[in-house]
Every structure is written in structure tokens, then in C-alpha cells.
Protein backbone atom coordinates (compact mmCIF):
# COMPACT_ATOMS: atom_id res chain seq x y z
CA UNK A 1 0.00 0.00 0.00
CA UNK A 2 2.83 2.41 0.81
CA UNK A 3 5.04 1.52 -2.16
CA UNK A 4 4.57 4.79 -4.01
CA UNK A 5 4.71 7.19 -1.05
CA UNK A 6 7.63 9.60 -1.04
CA UNK A 7 9.24 11.05 2.08
CA UNK A 8 7.92 14.49 1.16
CA UNK A 9 4.37 13.14 0.89
CA UNK A 10 4.51 11.56 4.35
CA UNK A 11 6.15 14.67 5.78
CA UNK A 12 3.46 16.91 4.26
CA UNK A 13 0.68 14.65 5.57
CA UNK A 14 2.15 14.77 9.08
CA UNK A 15 2.44 18.55 8.91
CA UNK A 16 -1.17 18.79 7.75
CA UNK A 17 -2.19 16.55 10.65
CA UNK A 18 -0.70 19.11 13.04
CA UNK A 19 -1.51 22.42 11.35
CA UNK A 20 -5.11 21.76 10.28
CA UNK A 21 -6.57 21.23 13.78
CA UNK A 22 -4.21 23.59 15.61
CA UNK A 23 -4.53 26.58 13.31
CA UNK A 24 -8.26 26.00 12.69
CA UNK A 25 -8.92 26.16 16.43
CA UNK A 26 -6.85 29.34 16.81
CA UNK A 27 -8.57 30.99 13.82
CA UNK A 28 -11.99 29.93 15.08
CA UNK A 29 -11.28 31.44 18.51
CA UNK A 30 -10.22 34.70 16.84
CA UNK A 31 -13.34 34.76 14.65
CA UNK A 32 -15.69 34.19 17.61
CA UNK A 33 -14.11 36.76 19.92
CA UNK A 34 -11.39 38.70 18.08
CA UNK A 35 -9.74 40.44 21.01
CA UNK A 36 -10.01 37.52 23.43
CA UNK A 37 -8.86 35.06 20.75
CA UNK A 38 -5.93 37.29 19.85
CA UNK A 39 -4.72 37.35 23.46
CA UNK A 40 -4.58 33.54 23.75
CA UNK A 41 -1.22 31.74 23.79
CA UNK A 42 -0.68 31.17 20.01
CA UNK A 43 -1.38 34.80 19.10
CA UNK A 44 -0.47 36.74 22.23
CA UNK A 45 2.80 37.98 20.74
CA UNK A 46 0.96 39.49 17.78
CA UNK A 47 -1.56 41.12 20.11
CA UNK A 48 1.12 42.60 22.37
CA UNK A 49 3.13 43.84 19.41
CA UNK A 50 0.09 45.50 17.84
CA UNK A 51 -0.97 47.19 21.06
CA UNK A 52 2.48 48.12 22.44
CA UNK A 53 4.67 48.78 19.42
CA UNK A 54 2.15 49.94 16.81
CA UNK A 55 -0.33 51.43 19.32
CA UNK A 56 -3.36 50.32 17.34
CA UNK A 57 -6.86 51.23 18.38
CA UNK A 58 -9.47 48.63 19.32
CA UNK A 59 -11.11 48.36 15.91
CA UNK A 60 -7.75 48.23 14.14
CA UNK A 61 -6.70 45.41 16.46
CA UNK A 62 -9.89 43.52 15.61
CA UNK A 63 -9.18 43.96 11.89
CA UNK A 64 -5.62 42.74 12.36
CA UNK A 65 -6.93 39.74 14.32
CA UNK A 66 -9.35 38.87 11.52
CA UNK A 67 -6.54 39.20 8.99
CA UNK A 68 -4.42 36.81 11.05
CA UNK A 69 -7.34 34.37 11.26
CA UNK A 70 -7.83 34.62 7.50
CA UNK A 71 -4.15 33.89 6.90
CA UNK A 72 -4.25 30.87 9.18
CA UNK A 73 -7.41 29.57 7.51
CA UNK A 74 -5.78 29.99 4.10
CA UNK A 75 -2.90 27.79 5.22
CA UNK A 76 -5.39 25.25 6.59
CA UNK A 77 -7.28 25.27 3.28
CA UNK A 78 -4.13 24.60 1.26
CA UNK A 79 -3.14 21.77 3.61
CA UNK A 80 -6.64 20.28 3.15
CA UNK A 81 -6.32 20.57 -0.64
CA UNK A 82 -2.93 18.88 -0.38
CA UNK A 83 -4.42 15.97 1.58
CA UNK A 84 -7.26 15.62 -0.93
CA UNK A 85 -4.78 15.52 -3.83
CA UNK A 86 -2.55 13.15 -1.89
CA UNK A 87 -5.38 10.62 -1.72
CA UNK A 88 -5.26 10.19 -5.51
CA UNK A 89 -2.41 7.73 -6.26
CA UNK A 90 -1.63 9.04 -9.75
CA UNK A 91 -1.37 12.62 -8.46
CA UNK A 92 0.75 11.51 -5.53
CA UNK A 93 3.21 9.62 -7.76
CA UNK A 94 3.59 12.49 -10.22
CA UNK A 95 4.01 15.11 -7.50
CA UNK A 96 0.89 17.03 -8.54
CA UNK A 97 -0.02 17.77 -4.94
CA UNK A 98 3.30 19.49 -4.21
CA UNK A 99 2.05 22.87 -5.42
CA UNK A 100 -0.68 23.05 -2.77
CA UNK A 101 1.84 21.99 -0.13
CA UNK A 102 4.31 24.61 -1.33
CA UNK A 103 1.73 27.38 -1.06
CA UNK A 104 0.74 26.23 2.44
CA UNK A 105 4.40 26.12 3.47
CA UNK A 106 5.13 29.57 2.06
CA UNK A 107 2.16 31.34 3.67
CA UNK A 108 2.55 29.40 6.93
CA UNK A 109 6.27 30.21 7.10
CA UNK A 110 5.54 33.88 6.54
CA UNK A 111 2.95 33.94 9.35
CA UNK A 112 5.17 31.96 11.73
CA UNK A 113 8.22 34.10 10.97
CA UNK A 114 6.33 37.36 11.48
CA UNK A 115 4.83 36.02 14.72
CA UNK A 116 8.27 34.90 15.88
CA UNK A 117 9.76 38.34 15.22
CA UNK A 118 6.87 39.98 17.06
CA UNK A 119 7.32 37.60 20.00
CA UNK A 120 11.00 38.46 20.22
CA UNK A 121 10.23 42.20 20.13
CA UNK A 122 7.77 42.02 23.03
CA UNK A 123 9.76 39.45 25.03
CA UNK A 124 7.15 36.68 25.04
CA UNK A 125 9.44 33.62 25.28
CA UNK A 126 6.78 30.87 25.23
CA UNK A 127 5.24 32.30 22.06
CA UNK A 128 8.72 32.71 20.58
CA UNK A 129 9.45 29.01 21.12
CA UNK A 130 6.09 28.02 19.64
CA UNK A 131 6.49 30.11 16.51
CA UNK A 132 10.14 29.13 16.07
CA UNK A 133 9.18 25.46 16.28
CA UNK A 134 6.39 25.91 13.73
CA UNK A 135 8.73 27.81 11.44
CA UNK A 136 11.36 25.09 11.64
CA UNK A 137 8.74 22.43 10.85
CA UNK A 138 7.57 24.37 7.80
CA UNK A 139 11.08 25.17 6.55
CA UNK A 140 12.19 21.57 7.02
CA UNK A 141 9.27 20.37 4.93
CA UNK A 142 10.11 22.99 2.29
CA UNK A 143 13.69 21.71 2.09
CA UNK A 144 12.47 18.13 1.67
CA UNK A 145 9.98 19.30 -0.97
CA UNK A 146 12.67 21.14 -2.95
CA UNK A 147 15.30 18.39 -2.77
CA UNK A 148 13.07 15.36 -3.34
CA UNK A 149 11.70 15.29 -6.85
CA UNK A 150 9.01 12.82 -7.96
CA UNK A 151 10.22 9.70 -9.72
CA UNK A 152 10.32 10.08 -13.46
CA UNK A 153 8.39 7.68 -15.63
CA UNK A 154 10.58 5.27 -17.61
CA UNK A 155 11.04 6.45 -21.15
CA UNK A 156 10.13 4.02 -23.89
CA UNK A 157 12.54 3.76 -26.77
CA UNK A 158 10.90 3.38 -30.12
CA UNK A 159 12.67 1.63 -32.95
CA UNK A 160 13.10 3.90 -35.97
CA UNK A 161 10.63 3.23 -38.74
CA UNK A 162 12.49 2.38 -41.91
CA UNK A 163 11.14 3.43 -45.27
CA UNK A 164 10.28 0.69 -47.71
CA UNK A 165 12.19 2.28 -50.57
CA UNK A 166 14.96 4.66 -49.67
CA UNK A 167 14.96 7.81 -51.73
CA UNK A 168 18.04 8.59 -53.66
CA UNK A 169 19.34 12.03 -54.36
CA UNK A 170 17.76 12.05 -57.79
CA UNK A 171 14.26 11.23 -56.54
CA UNK A 172 12.88 14.37 -54.94
CA UNK A 173 9.31 14.15 -53.68
CA UNK A 174 8.00 17.61 -54.27
CA UNK A 175 4.44 18.50 -55.14
CA UNK A 176 5.34 20.51 -58.20
CA UNK A 177 7.72 17.84 -59.49
CA UNK A 178 5.84 15.76 -62.00
């Protein structure tokens, strides 16, 4: 059953198994109560940075929280698309699902990196460790995705088709030649 699974496919599936429930729950908490959800552990560094460093008002903080939730849900959606494409064996063998994984890794890395920088600016060490760990997971999967290419299909060699009567130099086959 697992003959045609690549290391990158398994790695991407394991990442999706972590990021889909974790980031969906965080985004859902932000959507239900934006300010309260933003001040929970996974997003507290962003909230402190927005309020302390950028001095955003209440409504601007809510908009930023919704934008963060939208970004996290986008990553979750691309991981879900990746898992759906991974379930098709022909797509998995050809590496057709790698594009969805690449987009999820790129957007997720950007969110994790920005959150990690914000956590370091406000001095929130637990959030810094969380975002650094997520960033390392995403970057490690990106390295595996870039290095490991899908197996190429064996090329069939066709025997050259020989003409029944070879043409000499004096026998030109042109339409106007009669």
C-alpha cells in the first residue's frame, strides 16, 4: 500500500495533521471573539506587538486579528487541498499535490516568521518558542519538498521506422515535381 509514497508526501501529511486542527482552532477562537482570541497563547505575541509597538486602536486590532485568522485559515485550506490531492495515487506519484503543499508552506512560514519576530520584540518567550518550532517544521518540509523530486516515468525507446524504398538524391518528392 505504501510503495509509491515519497518522504515528502509523508512529511506533508504529518504537517497537515498538526496544522489543520491547531490553526483552525486558533482561527476559530479569533473569529468568535477577536480580542479575546488574539490574546490567547498562540497569538499573544501578535496582540502585544500590535498594542504596544504599533499602538493600534481597538477596531484596528480587531481587523488585524481577523486578517491573522484569514491567513491561518488559508494555510489550513491549502493543507486540506494537499491531503485531498494526496489521496489520488496518480497525483501523488507524479508530485501534482506538491504545489498546494508549497503554497501552504510559504504562507505558513511567513505567518510563523512574522509572529516569531513579534514575539522576540515584546519578550514573550513561550510564544517565541512556539512560533520558532512551527517555522522550523515548515522550513524543514520545504527543504524536503525542494530536494526530493518525484520519480520520473521510464522512457520508452521506439525503434526507428524504416522506409520501404529509400529515396536517392535524384528522386525528390515535391508536389510541383511531375
